[in-house]
C-alpha atoms as a PDB file:
ATOM      1  CA  MET A   1     -43.930  76.849 -16.215  1.00  0.00           C
ATOM      2  CA  ARG A   2     -44.937  77.375 -19.889  1.00  0.00           C
ATOM      3  CA  GLY A   3     -43.196  75.156 -22.383  1.00  0.00           C
ATOM      4  CA  GLU A   4     -42.332  72.485 -19.796  1.00  0.00           C
ATOM      5  CA  ARG A   5     -43.857  69.078 -20.109  1.00  0.00           C
ATOM      6  CA  LEU A   6     -45.129  67.693 -16.821  1.00  0.00           C
ATOM      7  CA  THR A   7     -45.054  63.945 -16.285  1.00  0.00           C
ATOM      8  CA  MET A   8     -46.412  61.984 -13.358  1.00  0.00           C
ATOM      9  CA  LYS A   9     -44.720  58.823 -12.182  1.00  0.00           C
ATOM     10  CA  PHE A  10     -46.875  56.057 -10.806  1.00  0.00           C
ATOM     11  CA  PRO A  11     -45.402  53.195  -8.773  1.00  0.00           C
ATOM     12  CA  LEU A  12     -45.395  49.872 -10.527  1.00  0.00           C
ATOM     13  CA  PHE A  13     -46.838  47.106  -8.402  1.00  0.00           C
ATOM     14  CA  SER A  14     -45.663  43.587  -9.035  1.00  0.00           C
ATOM     15  CA  SER A  15     -47.585  40.594  -7.813  1.00  0.00           C
ATOM     16  CA  LYS A  16     -46.238  39.208  -4.553  1.00  0.00           C
ATOM     17  CA  ARG A  17     -45.755  35.485  -4.074  1.00  0.00           C
ATOM     18  CA  LEU A  18     -46.549  33.866  -0.725  1.00  0.00           C
ATOM     19  CA  GLY A  19     -45.888  30.292   0.344  1.00  0.00           C
ATOM     20  CA  ILE A  20     -47.973  29.152   3.317  1.00  0.00           C
ATOM     21  CA  ASP A  21     -47.395  26.085   5.470  1.00  0.00           C
ATOM     22  CA  LEU A  22     -50.905  25.862   6.898  1.00  0.00           C
ATOM     23  CA  GLY A  23     -50.311  23.612   9.897  1.00  0.00           C
ATOM     24  CA  THR A  24     -52.685  22.232  12.507  1.00  0.00           C
ATOM     25  CA  SER A  25     -50.569  23.693  15.337  1.00  0.00           C
ATOM     26  CA  ASN A  26     -48.466  26.407  13.672  1.00  0.00           C
ATOM     27  CA  SER A  27     -48.535  28.258  10.356  1.00  0.00           C
ATOM     28  CA  LEU A  28     -45.551  29.793   8.565  1.00  0.00           C
ATOM     29  CA  VAL A  29     -45.491  32.247   5.665  1.00  0.00           C
ATOM     30  CA  TRP A  30     -42.713  32.662   3.106  1.00  0.00           C
ATOM     31  CA  SER A  31     -42.574  35.815   0.978  1.00  0.00           C
ATOM     32  CA  SER A  32     -40.708  36.195  -2.336  1.00  0.00           C
ATOM     33  CA  GLY A  33     -37.471  38.117  -1.867  1.00  0.00           C
ATOM     34  CA  GLU A  34     -37.717  38.019   1.926  1.00  0.00           C
ATOM     35  CA  GLY A  35     -37.858  34.376   3.059  1.00  0.00           C
ATOM     36  CA  VAL A  36     -39.886  33.262   6.084  1.00  0.00           C
ATOM     37  CA  VAL A  37     -41.611  36.372   7.406  1.00  0.00           C
ATOM     38  CA  LEU A  38     -44.230  35.004   9.770  1.00  0.00           C
ATOM     39  CA  SER A  39     -44.607  32.111  12.204  1.00  0.00           C
ATOM     40  CA  GLU A  40     -47.773  32.013  14.300  1.00  0.00           C
ATOM     41  CA  PRO A  41     -49.915  29.412  16.111  1.00  0.00           C
ATOM     42  CA  SER A  42     -52.884  28.268  13.999  1.00  0.00           C
ATOM     43  CA  VAL A  43     -55.439  29.555  16.508  1.00  0.00           C
ATOM     44  CA  VAL A  44     -58.344  31.966  16.075  1.00  0.00           C
ATOM     45  CA  ALA A  45     -60.449  33.530  18.863  1.00  0.00           C
ATOM     46  CA  VAL A  46     -64.058  34.114  17.841  1.00  0.00           C
ATOM     47  CA  ASP A  47     -66.931  35.887  19.625  1.00  0.00           C
ATOM     48  CA  SER A  48     -69.586  33.154  19.656  1.00  0.00           C
ATOM     49  CA  VAL A  49     -72.440  35.699  19.815  1.00  0.00           C
ATOM     50  CA  SER A  50     -71.479  38.015  16.936  1.00  0.00           C
ATOM     51  CA  GLY A  51     -69.258  35.563  15.045  1.00  0.00           C
ATOM     52  CA  LYS A  52     -66.575  38.253  14.845  1.00  0.00           C
ATOM     53  CA  VAL A  53     -62.899  37.256  14.865  1.00  0.00           C
ATOM     54  CA  VAL A  54     -61.307  38.831  17.950  1.00  0.00           C
ATOM     55  CA  ALA A  55     -57.713  37.571  17.754  1.00  0.00           C
ATOM     56  CA  VAL A  56     -55.512  35.408  15.520  1.00  0.00           C
ATOM     57  CA  GLY A  57     -52.182  33.645  16.007  1.00  0.00           C
ATOM     58  CA  SER A  58     -50.108  34.314  19.140  1.00  0.00           C
ATOM     59  CA  GLN A  59     -52.760  36.550  20.716  1.00  0.00           C
ATOM     60  CA  ALA A  60     -55.433  33.880  20.239  1.00  0.00           C
ATOM     61  CA  TYR A  61     -53.091  31.135  21.501  1.00  0.00           C
ATOM     62  CA  GLU A  62     -52.770  32.972  24.826  1.00  0.00           C
ATOM     63  CA  LEU A  63     -56.554  32.634  25.171  1.00  0.00           C
ATOM     64  CA  LEU A  64     -56.650  28.820  24.685  1.00  0.00           C
ATOM     65  CA  GLY A  65     -58.432  27.304  27.673  1.00  0.00           C
ATOM     66  CA  ARG A  66     -58.766  30.725  29.308  1.00  0.00           C
ATOM     67  CA  THR A  67     -61.815  32.206  27.599  1.00  0.00           C
ATOM     68  CA  GLY A  68     -65.308  32.886  28.917  1.00  0.00           C
ATOM     69  CA  THR A  69     -68.585  31.643  27.497  1.00  0.00           C
ATOM     70  CA  ASN A  70     -68.786  34.200  24.662  1.00  0.00           C
ATOM     71  CA  LEU A  71     -65.165  34.000  23.479  1.00  0.00           C
ATOM     72  CA  VAL A  72     -64.004  30.749  21.881  1.00  0.00           C
ATOM     73  CA  ALA A  73     -60.361  30.104  20.943  1.00  0.00           C
ATOM     74  CA  GLN A  74     -60.191  27.334  18.367  1.00  0.00           C
ATOM     75  CA  LYS A  75     -57.948  25.716  15.779  1.00  0.00           C
ATOM     76  CA  PRO A  76     -59.522  25.926  12.299  1.00  0.00           C
ATOM     77  CA  LEU A  77     -57.563  22.877  11.117  1.00  0.00           C
ATOM     78  CA  ARG A  78     -57.817  19.384  12.530  1.00  0.00           C
ATOM     79  CA  GLU A  79     -55.482  16.544  11.552  1.00  0.00           C
ATOM     80  CA  GLY A  80     -54.089  18.677   8.731  1.00  0.00           C
ATOM     81  CA  VAL A  81     -57.397  19.556   7.033  1.00  0.00           C
ATOM     82  CA  VAL A  82     -59.825  22.497   7.210  1.00  0.00           C
ATOM     83  CA  ALA A  83     -62.407  21.898   9.937  1.00  0.00           C
ATOM     84  CA  ASP A  84     -63.981  25.385   9.882  1.00  0.00           C
ATOM     85  CA  PHE A  85     -63.909  27.124   6.491  1.00  0.00           C
ATOM     86  CA  LEU A  86     -64.851  30.655   7.611  1.00  0.00           C
ATOM     87  CA  VAL A  87     -62.400  30.685  10.515  1.00  0.00           C
ATOM     88  CA  CYS A  88     -59.638  29.307   8.263  1.00  0.00           C
ATOM     89  CA  GLU A  89     -60.375  32.033   5.701  1.00  0.00           C
ATOM     90  CA  ALA A  90     -60.154  34.688   8.437  1.00  0.00           C
ATOM     91  CA  MET A  91     -56.812  33.293   9.591  1.00  0.00           C
ATOM     92  CA  LEU A  92     -55.384  33.275   6.053  1.00  0.00           C
ATOM     93  CA  LYS A  93     -56.599  36.848   5.471  1.00  0.00           C
ATOM     94  CA  TYR A  94     -54.936  37.944   8.719  1.00  0.00           C
ATOM     95  CA  PHE A  95     -51.639  36.318   7.710  1.00  0.00           C
ATOM     96  CA  MET A  96     -51.739  37.950   4.258  1.00  0.00           C
ATOM     97  CA  ASP A  97     -52.543  41.382   5.713  1.00  0.00           C
ATOM     98  CA  ARG A  98     -49.680  41.064   8.211  1.00  0.00           C
ATOM     99  CA  VAL A  99     -47.162  40.103   5.526  1.00  0.00           C
ATOM    100  CA  LEU A 100     -48.255  42.410   2.683  1.00  0.00           C
ATOM    101  CA  GLY A 101     -49.016  45.522   4.729  1.00  0.00           C
ATOM    102  CA  SER A 102     -49.270  48.598   2.487  1.00  0.00           C
ATOM    103  CA  SER A 103     -48.935  46.521  -0.703  1.00  0.00           C
ATOM    104  CA  ARG A 104     -52.201  44.660   0.050  1.00  0.00           C
ATOM    105  CA  ILE A 105     -53.690  46.443  -2.981  1.00  0.00           C
ATOM    106  CA  VAL A 106     -51.948  43.835  -5.127  1.00  0.00           C
ATOM    107  CA  ARG A 107     -53.480  40.395  -4.885  1.00  0.00           C
ATOM    108  CA  PRO A 108     -50.731  37.799  -4.323  1.00  0.00           C
ATOM    109  CA  GLU A 109     -50.047  34.406  -5.840  1.00  0.00           C
ATOM    110  CA  VAL A 110     -50.337  31.925  -2.976  1.00  0.00           C
ATOM    111  CA  MET A 111     -49.141  28.347  -2.606  1.00  0.00           C
ATOM    112  CA  VAL A 112     -50.451  26.322   0.332  1.00  0.00           C
ATOM    113  CA  CYS A 113     -49.068  22.996   1.579  1.00  0.00           C
ATOM    114  CA  VAL A 114     -51.549  20.180   2.242  1.00  0.00           C
ATOM    115  CA  PRO A 115     -51.194  16.571   3.490  1.00  0.00           C
ATOM    116  CA  SER A 116     -50.855  14.034   0.670  1.00  0.00           C
ATOM    117  CA  GLY A 117     -53.764  11.868   1.823  1.00  0.00           C
ATOM    118  CA  ILE A 118     -56.604  14.408   1.832  1.00  0.00           C
ATOM    119  CA  THR A 119     -59.665  14.145  -0.421  1.00  0.00           C
ATOM    120  CA  GLN A 120     -60.487  16.295  -3.436  1.00  0.00           C
ATOM    121  CA  VAL A 121     -63.220  18.037  -1.413  1.00  0.00           C
ATOM    122  CA  GLU A 122     -60.699  18.897   1.321  1.00  0.00           C
ATOM    123  CA  ARG A 123     -58.246  20.184  -1.314  1.00  0.00           C
ATOM    124  CA  ARG A 124     -60.940  22.383  -2.822  1.00  0.00           C
ATOM    125  CA  ALA A 125     -61.739  23.807   0.628  1.00  0.00           C
ATOM    126  CA  VAL A 126     -58.128  24.976   1.049  1.00  0.00           C
ATOM    127  CA  LEU A 127     -58.050  26.523  -2.450  1.00  0.00           C
ATOM    128  CA  GLU A 128     -61.370  28.309  -1.856  1.00  0.00           C
ATOM    129  CA  ALA A 129     -60.195  29.602   1.531  1.00  0.00           C
ATOM    130  CA  ALA A 130     -57.018  31.049  -0.040  1.00  0.00           C
ATOM    131  CA  LEU A 131     -58.946  32.715  -2.886  1.00  0.00           C
ATOM    132  CA  SER A 132     -61.617  34.084  -0.522  1.00  0.00           C
ATOM    133  CA  ALA A 133     -58.851  35.508   1.686  1.00  0.00           C
ATOM    134  CA  GLY A 134     -57.590  37.580  -1.267  1.00  0.00           C
ATOM    135  CA  ALA A 135     -55.243  35.447  -3.370  1.00  0.00           C
ATOM    136  CA  LYS A 136     -55.122  36.138  -7.129  1.00  0.00           C
ATOM    137  CA  THR A 137     -54.051  32.575  -7.895  1.00  0.00           C
ATOM    138  CA  ALA A 138     -53.900  29.665  -5.454  1.00  0.00           C
ATOM    139  CA  TYR A 139     -51.746  26.556  -5.747  1.00  0.00           C
ATOM    140  CA  LEU A 140     -51.604  23.416  -3.624  1.00  0.00           C
ATOM    141  CA  ILE A 141     -48.473  21.340  -3.065  1.00  0.00           C
ATOM    142  CA  GLU A 142     -48.290  18.129  -1.057  1.00  0.00           C
ATOM    143  CA  GLN A 143     -46.384  18.487   2.213  1.00  0.00           C
ATOM    144  CA  PRO A 144     -43.930  15.576   1.725  1.00  0.00           C
ATOM    145  CA  LEU A 145     -42.826  16.994  -1.643  1.00  0.00           C
ATOM    146  CA  ALA A 146     -42.458  20.511  -0.209  1.00  0.00           C
ATOM    147  CA  ALA A 147     -40.561  19.093   2.776  1.00  0.00           C
ATOM    148  CA  ALA A 148     -38.187  17.209   0.456  1.00  0.00           C
ATOM    149  CA  LEU A 149     -37.550  20.405  -1.521  1.00  0.00           C
ATOM    150  CA  GLY A 150     -36.971  22.418   1.642  1.00  0.00           C
ATOM    151  CA  ALA A 151     -34.646  19.769   3.089  1.00  0.00           C
ATOM    152  CA  LYS A 152     -32.584  20.051  -0.122  1.00  0.00           C
ATOM    153  CA  LEU A 153     -32.995  16.416  -1.096  1.00  0.00           C
ATOM    154  CA  PRO A 154     -31.954  15.657  -4.705  1.00  0.00           C
ATOM    155  CA  ILE A 155     -35.492  14.823  -5.755  1.00  0.00           C
ATOM    156  CA  ASP A 156     -34.793  15.492  -9.453  1.00  0.00           C
ATOM    157  CA  ALA A 157     -32.181  12.720  -9.508  1.00  0.00           C
ATOM    158  CA  PRO A 158     -33.089   9.198 -10.709  1.00  0.00           C
ATOM    159  CA  PHE A 159     -32.752   7.604  -7.291  1.00  0.00           C
ATOM    160  CA  GLY A 160     -34.983   7.383  -4.247  1.00  0.00           C
ATOM    161  CA  SER A 161     -35.069   9.774  -1.300  1.00  0.00           C
ATOM    162  CA  MET A 162     -37.388   9.249   1.669  1.00  0.00           C
ATOM    163  CA  ILE A 163     -38.971  12.075   3.624  1.00  0.00           C
ATOM    164  CA  VAL A 164     -41.136  11.831   6.767  1.00  0.00           C
ATOM    165  CA  ASP A 165     -42.926  15.051   7.745  1.00  0.00           C
ATOM    166  CA  ILE A 166     -44.361  14.845  11.275  1.00  0.00           C
ATOM    167  CA  GLY A 167     -46.481  17.873  12.066  1.00  0.00           C
ATOM    168  CA  GLY A 168     -49.028  18.782  14.684  1.00  0.00           C
ATOM    169  CA  GLY A 169     -52.003  17.069  13.047  1.00  0.00           C
ATOM    170  CA  SER A 170     -50.666  14.422  10.694  1.00  0.00           C
ATOM    171  CA  THR A 171     -47.655  12.453   9.514  1.00  0.00           C
ATOM    172  CA  GLY A 172     -46.783  12.282   5.821  1.00  0.00           C
ATOM    173  CA  SER A 173     -44.277   9.718   4.620  1.00  0.00           C
ATOM    174  CA  ALA A 174     -43.118   9.574   0.985  1.00  0.00           C
ATOM    175  CA  VAL A 175     -40.452   8.297  -1.363  1.00  0.00           C
ATOM    176  CA  VAL A 176     -39.574  10.859  -4.032  1.00  0.00           C
ATOM    177  CA  SER A 177     -37.644  10.360  -7.254  1.00  0.00           C
ATOM    178  CA  VAL A 178     -37.281  12.182 -10.597  1.00  0.00           C
ATOM    179  CA  GLY A 179     -39.232  15.207  -9.371  1.00  0.00           C
ATOM    180  CA  GLY A 180     -42.310  13.458  -8.016  1.00  0.00           C
ATOM    181  CA  ILE A 181     -43.790  11.247  -5.286  1.00  0.00           C
ATOM    182  CA  VAL A 182     -43.463   7.546  -6.085  1.00  0.00           C
ATOM    183  CA  VAL A 183     -45.249   6.129  -3.013  1.00  0.00           C
ATOM    184  CA  SER A 184     -46.685   7.805   0.077  1.00  0.00           C
ATOM    185  CA  SER A 185     -48.636   7.118   3.254  1.00  0.00           C
ATOM    186  CA  THR A 186     -50.440   9.428   5.655  1.00  0.00           C
ATOM    187  CA  ALA A 187     -51.437   8.953   9.285  1.00  0.00           C
ATOM    188  CA  LYS A 188     -53.675  11.196  11.382  1.00  0.00           C
ATOM    189  CA  ALA A 189     -51.094  11.233  14.151  1.00  0.00           C
ATOM    190  CA  GLY A 190     -48.703  13.995  15.158  1.00  0.00           C
ATOM    191  CA  GLY A 191     -47.900  16.393  17.961  1.00  0.00           C
ATOM    192  CA  GLY A 192     -51.565  17.033  18.758  1.00  0.00           C
ATOM    193  CA  LYS A 193     -52.281  13.327  19.267  1.00  0.00           C
ATOM    194  CA  LEU A 194     -49.212  13.068  21.520  1.00  0.00           C
ATOM    195  CA  ASP A 195     -50.639  15.924  23.620  1.00  0.00           C
ATOM    196  CA  GLU A 196     -54.020  14.164  23.791  1.00  0.00           C
ATOM    197  CA  ALA A 197     -52.308  10.940  24.893  1.00  0.00           C
ATOM    198  CA  ILE A 198     -50.556  12.809  27.734  1.00  0.00           C
ATOM    199  CA  ILE A 199     -53.862  14.425  28.803  1.00  0.00           C
ATOM    200  CA  THR A 200     -55.566  11.010  28.874  1.00  0.00           C
ATOM    201  CA  TYR A 201     -52.683   9.419  30.799  1.00  0.00           C
ATOM    202  CA  MET A 202     -52.679  12.165  33.452  1.00  0.00           C
ATOM    203  CA  ARG A 203     -56.418  11.819  34.038  1.00  0.00           C
ATOM    204  CA  ARG A 204     -56.383   8.027  34.095  1.00  0.00           C
ATOM    205  CA  ASN A 205     -53.306   7.566  36.286  1.00  0.00           C
ATOM    206  CA  HIS A 206     -53.232  10.714  38.422  1.00  0.00           C
ATOM    207  CA  ASN A 207     -56.853  11.945  38.425  1.00  0.00           C
ATOM    208  CA  LEU A 208     -55.457  15.210  37.068  1.00  0.00           C
ATOM    209  CA  ILE A 209     -57.192  17.218  34.338  1.00  0.00           C
ATOM    210  CA  ILE A 210     -54.690  19.264  32.336  1.00  0.00           C
ATOM    211  CA  GLY A 211     -55.079  21.476  29.270  1.00  0.00           C
ATOM    212  CA  GLU A 212     -53.453  21.394  25.839  1.00  0.00           C
ATOM    213  CA  ARG A 213     -50.783  23.921  26.779  1.00  0.00           C
ATOM    214  CA  MET A 214     -49.701  21.986  29.889  1.00  0.00           C
ATOM    215  CA  ALA A 215     -49.576  18.747  27.879  1.00  0.00           C
ATOM    216  CA  GLU A 216     -47.428  20.370  25.182  1.00  0.00           C
ATOM    217  CA  ASP A 217     -45.110  21.795  27.848  1.00  0.00           C
ATOM    218  CA  ILE A 218     -44.676  18.319  29.367  1.00  0.00           C
ATOM    219  CA  LYS A 219     -43.968  16.804  25.933  1.00  0.00           C
ATOM    220  CA  ILE A 220     -41.322  19.395  25.079  1.00  0.00           C
ATOM    221  CA  LYS A 221     -39.578  19.367  28.469  1.00  0.00           C
ATOM    222  CA  ILE A 222     -39.466  15.659  29.366  1.00  0.00           C
ATOM    223  CA  GLY A 223     -41.069  13.776  26.463  1.00  0.00           C
ATOM    224  CA  SER A 224     -38.982  11.042  24.821  1.00  0.00           C
ATOM    225  CA  ALA A 225     -39.787   8.437  22.174  1.00  0.00           C
ATOM    226  CA  ILE A 226     -37.353   5.935  23.724  1.00  0.00           C
ATOM    227  CA  VAL A 227     -37.580   5.088  27.420  1.00  0.00           C
ATOM    228  CA  PRO A 228     -34.750   7.207  28.874  1.00  0.00           C
ATOM    229  CA  SER A 229     -31.973   5.810  31.076  1.00  0.00           C
ATOM    230  CA  ALA A 230     -31.820   8.909  33.306  1.00  0.00           C
ATOM    231  CA  LYS A 231     -34.995   9.922  35.104  1.00  0.00           C
ATOM    232  CA  VAL A 232     -36.135  13.547  34.804  1.00  0.00           C
ATOM    233  CA  VAL A 233     -39.004  14.861  36.935  1.00  0.00           C
ATOM    234  CA  MET A 234     -41.281  17.880  36.493  1.00  0.00           C
ATOM    235  CA  GLU A 235     -44.481  19.179  38.033  1.00  0.00           C
ATOM    236  CA  ALA A 236     -47.769  19.060  36.154  1.00  0.00           C
ATOM    237  CA  ARG A 237     -50.459  21.501  37.239  1.00  0.00           C
ATOM    238  CA  GLY A 238     -54.175  21.153  36.627  1.00  0.00           C
ATOM    239  CA  ARG A 239     -57.479  20.344  38.326  1.00  0.00           C
ATOM    240  CA  ASP A 240     -58.258  17.326  40.478  1.00  0.00           C
ATOM    241  CA  ALA A 241     -60.778  15.152  38.620  1.00  0.00           C
ATOM    242  CA  ILE A 242     -62.515  14.159  41.878  1.00  0.00           C
ATOM    243  CA  SER A 243     -62.499  17.269  44.097  1.00  0.00           C
ATOM    244  CA  GLY A 244     -62.360  19.839  41.278  1.00  0.00           C
ATOM    245  CA  LEU A 245     -59.671  21.778  43.150  1.00  0.00           C
ATOM    246  CA  PRO A 246     -56.273  22.875  41.767  1.00  0.00           C
ATOM    247  CA  LYS A 247     -53.672  20.135  42.029  1.00  0.00           C
ATOM    248  CA  THR A 248     -49.978  19.605  41.297  1.00  0.00           C
ATOM    249  CA  VAL A 249     -48.477  16.198  40.492  1.00  0.00           C
ATOM    250  CA  SER A 250     -44.847  15.153  39.992  1.00  0.00           C
ATOM    251  CA  ILE A 251     -44.280  13.088  36.843  1.00  0.00           C
ATOM    252  CA  ASP A 252     -41.176  11.685  35.167  1.00  0.00           C
ATOM    253  CA  ASN A 253     -40.032  11.095  31.589  1.00  0.00           C
ATOM    254  CA  THR A 254     -40.538   7.313  31.845  1.00  0.00           C
ATOM    255  CA  GLN A 255     -44.264   7.827  32.445  1.00  0.00           C
ATOM    256  CA  ILE A 256     -44.568  10.235  29.522  1.00  0.00           C
ATOM    257  CA  SER A 257     -42.767   7.810  27.180  1.00  0.00           C
ATOM    258  CA  GLU A 258     -45.328   5.190  28.175  1.00  0.00           C
ATOM    259  CA  ALA A 259     -48.187   7.650  27.602  1.00  0.00           C
ATOM    260  CA  MET A 260     -47.043   8.487  24.053  1.00  0.00           C
ATOM    261  CA  GLY A 261     -46.290   4.895  23.000  1.00  0.00           C
ATOM    262  CA  SER A 262     -49.516   4.136  21.114  1.00  0.00           C
ATOM    263  CA  VAL A 263     -49.358   7.342  19.037  1.00  0.00           C
ATOM    264  CA  LEU A 264     -45.682   6.805  18.171  1.00  0.00           C
ATOM    265  CA  ALA A 265     -46.593   3.271  17.031  1.00  0.00           C
ATOM    266  CA  VAL A 266     -49.048   4.781  14.497  1.00  0.00           C
ATOM    267  CA  ILE A 267     -46.334   7.126  13.160  1.00  0.00           C
ATOM    268  CA  ILE A 268     -43.863   4.231  12.771  1.00  0.00           C
ATOM    269  CA  ALA A 269     -46.566   2.120  11.063  1.00  0.00           C
ATOM    270  CA  CYS A 270     -47.081   4.931   8.519  1.00  0.00           C
ATOM    271  CA  VAL A 271     -43.351   4.928   7.688  1.00  0.00           C
ATOM    272  CA  LYS A 272     -43.262   1.125   7.429  1.00  0.00           C
ATOM    273  CA  SER A 273     -46.259   1.182   5.075  1.00  0.00           C
ATOM    274  CA  THR A 274     -44.370   3.486   2.702  1.00  0.00           C
ATOM    275  CA  LEU A 275     -41.257   1.307   2.828  1.00  0.00           C
ATOM    276  CA  GLU A 276     -43.320  -1.810   2.084  1.00  0.00           C
ATOM    277  CA  GLN A 277     -44.725  -0.184  -1.088  1.00  0.00           C
ATOM    278  CA  THR A 278     -41.342   1.087  -2.301  1.00  0.00           C
ATOM    279  CA  PRO A 279     -39.894  -0.534  -5.467  1.00  0.00           C
ATOM    280  CA  PRO A 280     -36.761  -2.605  -4.689  1.00  0.00           C
ATOM    281  CA  GLU A 281     -34.431  -0.343  -6.712  1.00  0.00           C
ATOM    282  CA  LEU A 282     -35.498   2.715  -4.728  1.00  0.00           C
ATOM    283  CA  ALA A 283     -35.463   0.799  -1.424  1.00  0.00           C
ATOM    284  CA  SER A 284     -31.730   0.158  -1.847  1.00  0.00           C
ATOM    285  CA  ASP A 285     -31.192   3.908  -2.388  1.00  0.00           C
ATOM    286  CA  ILE A 286     -33.060   4.668   0.845  1.00  0.00           C
ATOM    287  CA  ILE A 287     -30.894   2.216   2.804  1.00  0.00           C
ATOM    288  CA  ASP A 288     -27.830   4.069   1.479  1.00  0.00           C
ATOM    289  CA  HIS A 289     -29.100   7.614   2.099  1.00  0.00           C
ATOM    290  CA  GLY A 290     -31.454   7.080   5.048  1.00  0.00           C
ATOM    291  CA  ILE A 291     -34.750   8.656   6.096  1.00  0.00           C
ATOM    292  CA  VAL A 292     -34.922  12.438   6.494  1.00  0.00           C
ATOM    293  CA  MET A 293     -37.370  13.699   9.143  1.00  0.00           C
ATOM    294  CA  THR A 294     -39.014  17.141   9.120  1.00  0.00           C
ATOM    295  CA  GLY A 295     -41.790  18.902  11.045  1.00  0.00           C
ATOM    296  CA  GLY A 296     -41.912  20.130  14.631  1.00  0.00           C
ATOM    297  CA  THR A 297     -42.728  16.727  16.110  1.00  0.00           C
ATOM    298  CA  SER A 298     -39.616  15.190  14.492  1.00  0.00           C
ATOM    299  CA  MET A 299     -37.639  17.027  17.192  1.00  0.00           C
ATOM    300  CA  LEU A 300     -39.120  14.831  19.941  1.00  0.00           C
ATOM    301  CA  LYS A 301     -36.189  13.360  21.867  1.00  0.00           C
ATOM    302  CA  GLY A 302     -35.139   9.939  20.618  1.00  0.00           C
ATOM    303  CA  LEU A 303     -37.648   9.767  17.747  1.00  0.00           C
ATOM    304  CA  ASP A 304     -34.889   9.494  15.121  1.00  0.00           C
ATOM    305  CA  ARG A 305     -33.333   6.577  17.036  1.00  0.00           C
ATOM    306  CA  MET A 306     -36.720   4.880  17.391  1.00  0.00           C
ATOM    307  CA  MET A 307     -37.316   5.316  13.656  1.00  0.00           C
ATOM    308  CA  SER A 308     -33.942   3.746  12.839  1.00  0.00           C
ATOM    309  CA  SER A 309     -34.401   0.771  15.159  1.00  0.00           C
ATOM    310  CA  GLN A 310     -37.995   0.061  14.034  1.00  0.00           C
ATOM    311  CA  THR A 311     -37.327   0.286  10.277  1.00  0.00           C
ATOM    312  CA  ASN A 312     -33.678  -0.901  10.067  1.00  0.00           C
ATOM    313  CA  VAL A 313     -32.984   2.239   8.001  1.00  0.00           C
ATOM    314  CA  PRO A 314     -30.808   5.148   9.216  1.00  0.00           C
ATOM    315  CA  ALA A 315     -32.906   8.207  10.131  1.00  0.00           C
ATOM    316  CA  HIS A 316     -31.924  11.761  10.942  1.00  0.00           C
ATOM    317  CA  VAL A 317     -33.674  15.083  11.519  1.00  0.00           C
ATOM    318  CA  ALA A 318     -33.240  17.689   8.768  1.00  0.00           C
ATOM    319  CA  GLU A 319     -31.611  21.023   9.403  1.00  0.00           C
ATOM    320  CA  ASP A 320     -34.276  23.520  10.526  1.00  0.00           C
ATOM    321  CA  PRO A 321     -37.068  20.867  10.453  1.00  0.00           C
ATOM    322  CA  MET A 322     -39.908  23.261  11.327  1.00  0.00           C
ATOM    323  CA  GLN A 323     -39.287  25.440   8.269  1.00  0.00           C
ATOM    324  CA  CYS A 324     -38.473  22.799   5.633  1.00  0.00           C
ATOM    325  CA  VAL A 325     -42.056  22.634   4.322  1.00  0.00           C
ATOM    326  CA  VAL A 326     -42.490  26.402   3.936  1.00  0.00           C
ATOM    327  CA  TYR A 327     -39.015  26.745   2.354  1.00  0.00           C
ATOM    328  CA  GLY A 328     -39.939  24.000  -0.123  1.00  0.00           C
ATOM    329  CA  CYS A 329     -43.205  25.794  -0.823  1.00  0.00           C
ATOM    330  CA  GLY A 330     -41.224  28.944  -1.646  1.00  0.00           C
ATOM    331  CA  ILE A 331     -38.827  27.068  -3.933  1.00  0.00           C
ATOM    332  CA  ALA A 332     -41.742  25.539  -5.859  1.00  0.00           C
ATOM    333  CA  LEU A 333     -43.495  28.909  -6.146  1.00  0.00           C
ATOM    334  CA  GLU A 334     -40.363  30.683  -7.402  1.00  0.00           C
ATOM    335  CA  ASN A 335     -39.975  27.943 -10.031  1.00  0.00           C
ATOM    336  CA  ILE A 336     -43.665  27.414 -10.729  1.00  0.00           C
ATOM    337  CA  GLU A 337     -43.178  26.591 -14.423  1.00  0.00           C
ATOM    338  CA  THR A 338     -40.949  23.652 -13.449  1.00  0.00           C
ATOM    339  CA  TRP A 339     -43.306  22.357 -10.746  1.00  0.00           C
ATOM    340  CA  LYS A 340     -46.682  23.042 -12.387  1.00  0.00           C
ATOM    341  CA  ARG A 341     -47.041  19.357 -13.255  1.00  0.00           C
ATOM    342  CA  VAL A 342     -47.106  18.354  -9.549  1.00  0.00           C
ATOM    343  CA  VAL A 343     -49.189  21.196  -8.054  1.00  0.00           C
ATOM    344  CA  GLU A 344     -52.902  21.900  -8.195  1.00  0.00           C
ATOM    345  CA  ALA A 345     -53.967  25.398  -9.273  1.00  0.00           C
ATOM    346  CA  ARG A 346     -57.105  27.507  -9.143  1.00  0.00           C
END
């Protein structure tokens, strides 16, 4: 109509912030304003002929141990670090696409959690993977610090708090005070190593070959860090190592405790190493407040009691231990100006 002024309104896109707990077994994504929006196994299925990614996350996990010669389901992270850069990049891109959806046009700010003991080359690989997957800016935060933030420990206060994050690929133990890590130790032992120990035990003692999924099922259902007083039995299914035929064996929780003993000893040694390096003033604070445990493997039956008895320090599992790291990642990202001094950026 003549005399009218026409104006067009364009949507304003603001940069999204994503916090990613990139775990060896499972990955979680936190999104600004929404909280934790994605939790998927860290598994990617790749066509070995074309190199094309066929499935990621839960769909790929269903293919573990069940694929043919051309299709390979693999974990792009081993012991908490990137083992296959291109596959890790594809997994990160998939997670970002799933979370951002229609707003993928805007490149997000991304913060990724990494184990405290990894090398500078390994850190750079994670940053490069995040940027290649479509991040505008990438930050790294050490897992123990993120776990302490997510567990709501008073890490800004001038006294010591101890956090032990036990994931699928590694264990990170740290004492935090006045907003930073004072001492820390890392061990390449976690839920994955416990599964491997069960697989080895079943083959050695029962001539039974089982897969990762069966081992994890055994660990969750009857696994215990402390030898249990009441016996619980379950059936393990696999392949006979001698005949090659399908076989079922009955096992009990006492046997599985024995199988996991050597790996649990490595985890406890990591915690003891941190305590031995802790300044006396902070050590007294830890005795008062105890050890806080996070990560999926911290939920293993009796592990908190084993930790207490082996270290002479009270230990307890944090509320929502599997999500503490990604929550802490989100807190740091929302307050990036405060935490810039302890994160690495690219």
